């Protein structure tokens, strides 16, 4: 049972770390343009039509 004294704070700490990383990714704009990269790969500007 004494292992819970280590595991519970470790789990809470990892959860808060993951939440902090998620909040940072939201604020830095990681989820702003979800379709842009998907459409950008379809536009092949290097090949010119004859």
PDB file of N, CA and C in Angstrom:
ATOM      1  N   UNK A   1       0.806  -1.208   0.000  1.00  0.00           N
ATOM      2  CA  UNK A   1       0.000   0.000   0.000  1.00  0.00           C
ATOM      3  C   UNK A   1       0.846   1.268   0.000  1.00  0.00           C
ATOM      4  N   UNK A   2       2.076   1.145   0.459  1.00  0.00           N
ATOM      5  CA  UNK A   2       2.907   2.347   0.482  1.00  0.00           C
ATOM      6  C   UNK A   2       3.336   2.769  -0.920  1.00  0.00           C
ATOM      7  N   UNK A   3       3.219   1.871  -1.880  1.00  0.00           N
ATOM      8  CA  UNK A   3       3.562   2.220  -3.252  1.00  0.00           C
ATOM      9  C   UNK A   3       2.595   3.269  -3.797  1.00  0.00           C
ATOM     10  N   UNK A   4       1.378   3.304  -3.256  1.00  0.00           N
ATOM     11  CA  UNK A   4       0.395   4.299  -3.679  1.00  0.00           C
ATOM     12  C   UNK A   4       0.844   5.719  -3.327  1.00  0.00           C
ATOM     13  N   UNK A   5       1.667   5.836  -2.299  1.00  0.00           N
ATOM     14  CA  UNK A   5       2.191   7.154  -1.927  1.00  0.00           C
ATOM     15  C   UNK A   5       3.099   7.705  -3.023  1.00  0.00           C
ATOM     16  N   UNK A   6       3.643   6.839  -3.842  1.00  0.00           N
ATOM     17  CA  UNK A   6       4.494   7.275  -4.956  1.00  0.00           C
ATOM     18  C   UNK A   6       3.725   7.329  -6.272  1.00  0.00           C
ATOM     19  N   UNK A   7       2.845   6.357  -6.479  1.00  0.00           N
ATOM     20  CA  UNK A   7       2.157   6.244  -7.764  1.00  0.00           C
ATOM     21  C   UNK A   7       1.090   7.321  -7.975  1.00  0.00           C
ATOM     22  N   UNK A   8       0.352   7.657  -6.944  1.00  0.00           N
ATOM     23  CA  UNK A   8      -0.710   8.656  -7.093  1.00  0.00           C
ATOM     24  C   UNK A   8      -0.138  10.030  -7.423  1.00  0.00           C
ATOM     25  N   UNK A   9       0.861  10.525  -6.714  1.00  0.00           N
ATOM     26  CA  UNK A   9       1.435  11.821  -7.113  1.00  0.00           C
ATOM     27  C   UNK A   9       2.115  11.767  -8.486  1.00  0.00           C
ATOM     28  N   UNK A  10       2.735  10.631  -8.821  1.00  0.00           N
ATOM     29  CA  UNK A  10       3.364  10.506 -10.135  1.00  0.00           C
ATOM     30  C   UNK A  10       2.308  10.563 -11.236  1.00  0.00           C
ATOM     31  N   UNK A  11       1.183   9.896 -11.037  1.00  0.00           N
ATOM     32  CA  UNK A  11       0.110   9.917 -12.031  1.00  0.00           C
ATOM     33  C   UNK A  11      -0.493  11.313 -12.153  1.00  0.00           C
ATOM     34  N   UNK A  12      -0.689  11.983 -11.044  1.00  0.00           N
ATOM     35  CA  UNK A  12      -1.211  13.350 -11.081  1.00  0.00           C
ATOM     36  C   UNK A  12      -0.224  14.297 -11.760  1.00  0.00           C
ATOM     37  N   UNK A  13       1.050  14.115 -11.485  1.00  0.00           N
ATOM     38  CA  UNK A  13       2.062  14.961 -12.112  1.00  0.00           C
ATOM     39  C   UNK A  13       2.120  14.755 -13.623  1.00  0.00           C
ATOM     40  N   UNK A  14       2.064  13.505 -14.060  1.00  0.00           N
ATOM     41  CA  UNK A  14       2.070  13.224 -15.495  1.00  0.00           C
ATOM     42  C   UNK A  14       0.808  13.746 -16.165  1.00  0.00           C
ATOM     43  N   UNK A  15      -0.310  13.650 -15.472  1.00  0.00           N
ATOM     44  CA  UNK A  15      -1.562  14.179 -16.020  1.00  0.00           C
ATOM     45  C   UNK A  15      -1.509  15.687 -16.177  1.00  0.00           C
ATOM     46  N   UNK A  16      -0.970  16.371 -15.193  1.00  0.00           N
ATOM     47  CA  UNK A  16      -0.829  17.825 -15.282  1.00  0.00           C
ATOM     48  C   UNK A  16       0.176  18.223 -16.359  1.00  0.00           C
ATOM     49  N   UNK A  17       1.225  17.434 -16.520  1.00  0.00           N
ATOM     50  CA  UNK A  17       2.195  17.698 -17.578  1.00  0.00           C
ATOM     51  C   UNK A  17       1.551  17.547 -18.959  1.00  0.00           C
ATOM     52  N   UNK A  18       0.745  16.509 -19.137  1.00  0.00           N
ATOM     53  CA  UNK A  18       0.047  16.311 -20.410  1.00  0.00           C
ATOM     54  C   UNK A  18      -0.966  17.423 -20.657  1.00  0.00           C
ATOM     55  N   UNK A  19      -1.666  17.831 -19.623  1.00  0.00           N
ATOM     56  CA  UNK A  19      -2.610  18.936 -19.764  1.00  0.00           C
ATOM     57  C   UNK A  19      -1.896  20.233 -20.132  1.00  0.00           C
ATOM     58  N   UNK A  20      -0.758  20.473 -19.527  1.00  0.00           N
ATOM     59  CA  UNK A  20       0.025  21.654 -19.848  1.00  0.00           C
ATOM     60  C   UNK A  20       0.521  21.626 -21.291  1.00  0.00           C
ATOM     61  N   UNK A  21       0.950  20.461 -21.771  1.00  0.00           N
ATOM     62  CA  UNK A  21       1.401  20.342 -23.158  1.00  0.00           C
ATOM     63  C   UNK A  21       0.243  20.560 -24.121  1.00  0.00           C
ATOM     64  N   UNK A  22      -0.929  20.076 -23.773  1.00  0.00           N
ATOM     65  CA  UNK A  22      -2.103  20.273 -24.623  1.00  0.00           C
ATOM     66  C   UNK A  22      -2.507  21.738 -24.661  1.00  0.00           C
ATOM     67  N   UNK A  23      -2.487  22.398 -23.513  1.00  0.00           N
ATOM     68  CA  UNK A  23      -2.838  23.811 -23.475  1.00  0.00           C
ATOM     69  C   UNK A  23      -1.819  24.643 -24.251  1.00  0.00           C
ATOM     70  N   UNK A  24      -0.535  24.294 -24.170  1.00  0.00           N
ATOM     71  CA  UNK A  24       0.485  24.997 -24.933  1.00  0.00           C
ATOM     72  C   UNK A  24       0.240  24.825 -26.431  1.00  0.00           C
ATOM     73  N   UNK A  25      -0.119  23.614 -26.859  1.00  0.00           N
ATOM     74  CA  UNK A  25      -0.354  23.392 -28.285  1.00  0.00           C
ATOM     75  C   UNK A  25      -1.585  24.149 -28.769  1.00  0.00           C
ATOM     76  N   UNK A  26      -2.584  24.306 -27.924  1.00  0.00           N
ATOM     77  CA  UNK A  26      -3.751  25.108 -28.303  1.00  0.00           C
ATOM     78  C   UNK A  26      -3.380  26.576 -28.470  1.00  0.00           C
ATOM     79  N   UNK A  27      -2.605  27.101 -27.544  1.00  0.00           N
ATOM     80  CA  UNK A  27      -2.248  28.528 -27.583  1.00  0.00           C
ATOM     81  C   UNK A  27      -1.259  28.854 -28.687  1.00  0.00           C
ATOM     82  N   UNK A  28      -0.450  27.874 -29.106  1.00  0.00           N
ATOM     83  CA  UNK A  28       0.535  28.152 -30.146  1.00  0.00           C
ATOM     84  C   UNK A  28      -0.030  27.945 -31.548  1.00  0.00           C
ATOM     85  N   UNK A  29      -1.310  27.565 -31.659  1.00  0.00           N
ATOM     86  CA  UNK A  29      -1.959  27.488 -32.958  1.00  0.00           C
ATOM     87  C   UNK A  29      -1.763  26.185 -33.698  1.00  0.00           C
ATOM     88  N   UNK A  30      -1.514  25.108 -32.996  1.00  0.00           N
ATOM     89  CA  UNK A  30      -1.293  23.827 -33.654  1.00  0.00           C
ATOM     90  C   UNK A  30      -2.555  23.283 -34.319  1.00  0.00           C
ATOM     91  N   UNK A  31      -3.710  23.689 -33.861  1.00  0.00           N
ATOM     92  CA  UNK A  31      -4.965  23.147 -34.376  1.00  0.00           C
ATOM     93  C   UNK A  31      -5.760  24.170 -35.181  1.00  0.00           C
ATOM     94  N   UNK A  32      -5.117  25.241 -35.617  1.00  0.00           N
ATOM     95  CA  UNK A  32      -5.836  26.295 -36.326  1.00  0.00           C
ATOM     96  C   UNK A  32      -6.255  25.875 -37.731  1.00  0.00           C
ATOM     97  N   UNK A  33      -5.352  25.285 -38.492  1.00  0.00           N
ATOM     98  CA  UNK A  33      -5.625  24.954 -39.891  1.00  0.00           C
ATOM     99  C   UNK A  33      -5.425  23.461 -40.098  1.00  0.00           C
ATOM    100  N   UNK A  34      -6.473  22.677 -39.870  1.00  0.00           N
ATOM    101  CA  UNK A  34      -6.358  21.230 -39.985  1.00  0.00           C
ATOM    102  C   UNK A  34      -6.406  20.759 -41.432  1.00  0.00           C
ATOM    103  N   UNK A  35      -7.061  21.505 -42.314  1.00  0.00           N
ATOM    104  CA  UNK A  35      -7.196  21.077 -43.700  1.00  0.00           C
ATOM    105  C   UNK A  35      -6.112  21.638 -44.604  1.00  0.00           C
ATOM    106  N   UNK A  36      -5.361  22.598 -44.150  1.00  0.00           N
ATOM    107  CA  UNK A  36      -4.359  23.243 -44.997  1.00  0.00           C
ATOM    108  C   UNK A  36      -3.287  22.294 -45.490  1.00  0.00           C
ATOM    109  N   UNK A  37      -2.725  21.498 -44.605  1.00  0.00           N
ATOM    110  CA  UNK A  37      -1.669  20.579 -45.006  1.00  0.00           C
ATOM    111  C   UNK A  37      -2.209  19.474 -45.905  1.00  0.00           C
ATOM    112  N   UNK A  38      -3.433  19.068 -45.683  1.00  0.00           N
ATOM    113  CA  UNK A  38      -4.022  18.020 -46.513  1.00  0.00           C
ATOM    114  C   UNK A  38      -4.249  18.506 -47.939  1.00  0.00           C
ATOM    115  N   UNK A  39      -4.612  19.765 -48.103  1.00  0.00           N
ATOM    116  CA  UNK A  39      -4.841  20.300 -49.448  1.00  0.00           C
ATOM    117  C   UNK A  39      -3.535  20.757 -50.108  1.00  0.00           C
ATOM    118  N   UNK A  40      -2.572  21.146 -49.300  1.00  0.00           N
ATOM    119  CA  UNK A  40      -1.311  21.633 -49.838  1.00  0.00           C
ATOM    120  C   UNK A  40      -0.539  20.533 -50.552  1.00  0.00           C
ATOM    121  N   UNK A  41      -0.662  19.296 -50.103  1.00  0.00           N
ATOM    122  CA  UNK A  41       0.058  18.201 -50.735  1.00  0.00           C
ATOM    123  C   UNK A  41      -0.519  17.882 -52.111  1.00  0.00           C
ATOM    124  N   UNK A  42      -1.770  18.242 -52.348  1.00  0.00           N
ATOM    125  CA  UNK A  42      -2.397  17.976 -53.634  1.00  0.00           C
ATOM    126  C   UNK A  42      -1.986  18.986 -54.695  1.00  0.00           C
ATOM    127  N   UNK A  43      -1.563  20.162 -54.302  1.00  0.00           N
ATOM    128  CA  UNK A  43      -1.139  21.200 -55.236  1.00  0.00           C
ATOM    129  C   UNK A  43       0.319  20.986 -55.603  1.00  0.00           C
ATOM    130  N   UNK A  44       0.564  20.446 -56.777  1.00  0.00           N
ATOM    131  CA  UNK A  44       1.922  20.193 -57.243  1.00  0.00           C
ATOM    132  C   UNK A  44       2.322  21.301 -58.207  1.00  0.00           C
ATOM    133  N   UNK A  45       3.029  22.282 -57.685  1.00  0.00           N
ATOM    134  CA  UNK A  45       3.396  23.451 -58.490  1.00  0.00           C
ATOM    135  C   UNK A  45       4.668  23.217 -59.316  1.00  0.00           C
ATOM    136  N   UNK A  46       5.392  22.139 -59.044  1.00  0.00           N
ATOM    137  CA  UNK A  46       6.641  21.890 -59.753  1.00  0.00           C
ATOM    138  C   UNK A  46       6.410  21.395 -61.182  1.00  0.00           C
ATOM    139  N   UNK A  47       5.340  20.657 -61.405  1.00  0.00           N
ATOM    140  CA  UNK A  47       5.063  20.081 -62.714  1.00  0.00           C
ATOM    141  C   UNK A  47       4.211  21.046 -63.517  1.00  0.00           C
ATOM    142  N   UNK A  48       4.698  21.427 -64.705  1.00  0.00           N
ATOM    143  CA  UNK A  48       3.965  22.354 -65.557  1.00  0.00           C
ATOM    144  C   UNK A  48       3.193  21.560 -66.618  1.00  0.00           C
ATOM    145  N   UNK A  49       1.974  21.985 -66.852  1.00  0.00           N
ATOM    146  CA  UNK A  49       1.144  21.311 -67.859  1.00  0.00           C
ATOM    147  C   UNK A  49       1.665  21.639 -69.250  1.00  0.00           C
ATOM    148  N   UNK A  50       1.684  20.661 -70.176  1.00  0.00           N
ATOM    149  CA  UNK A  50       2.175  20.921 -71.538  1.00  0.00           C
ATOM    150  C   UNK A  50       1.223  21.764 -72.356  1.00  0.00           C
TER     151      UNK A  50
END
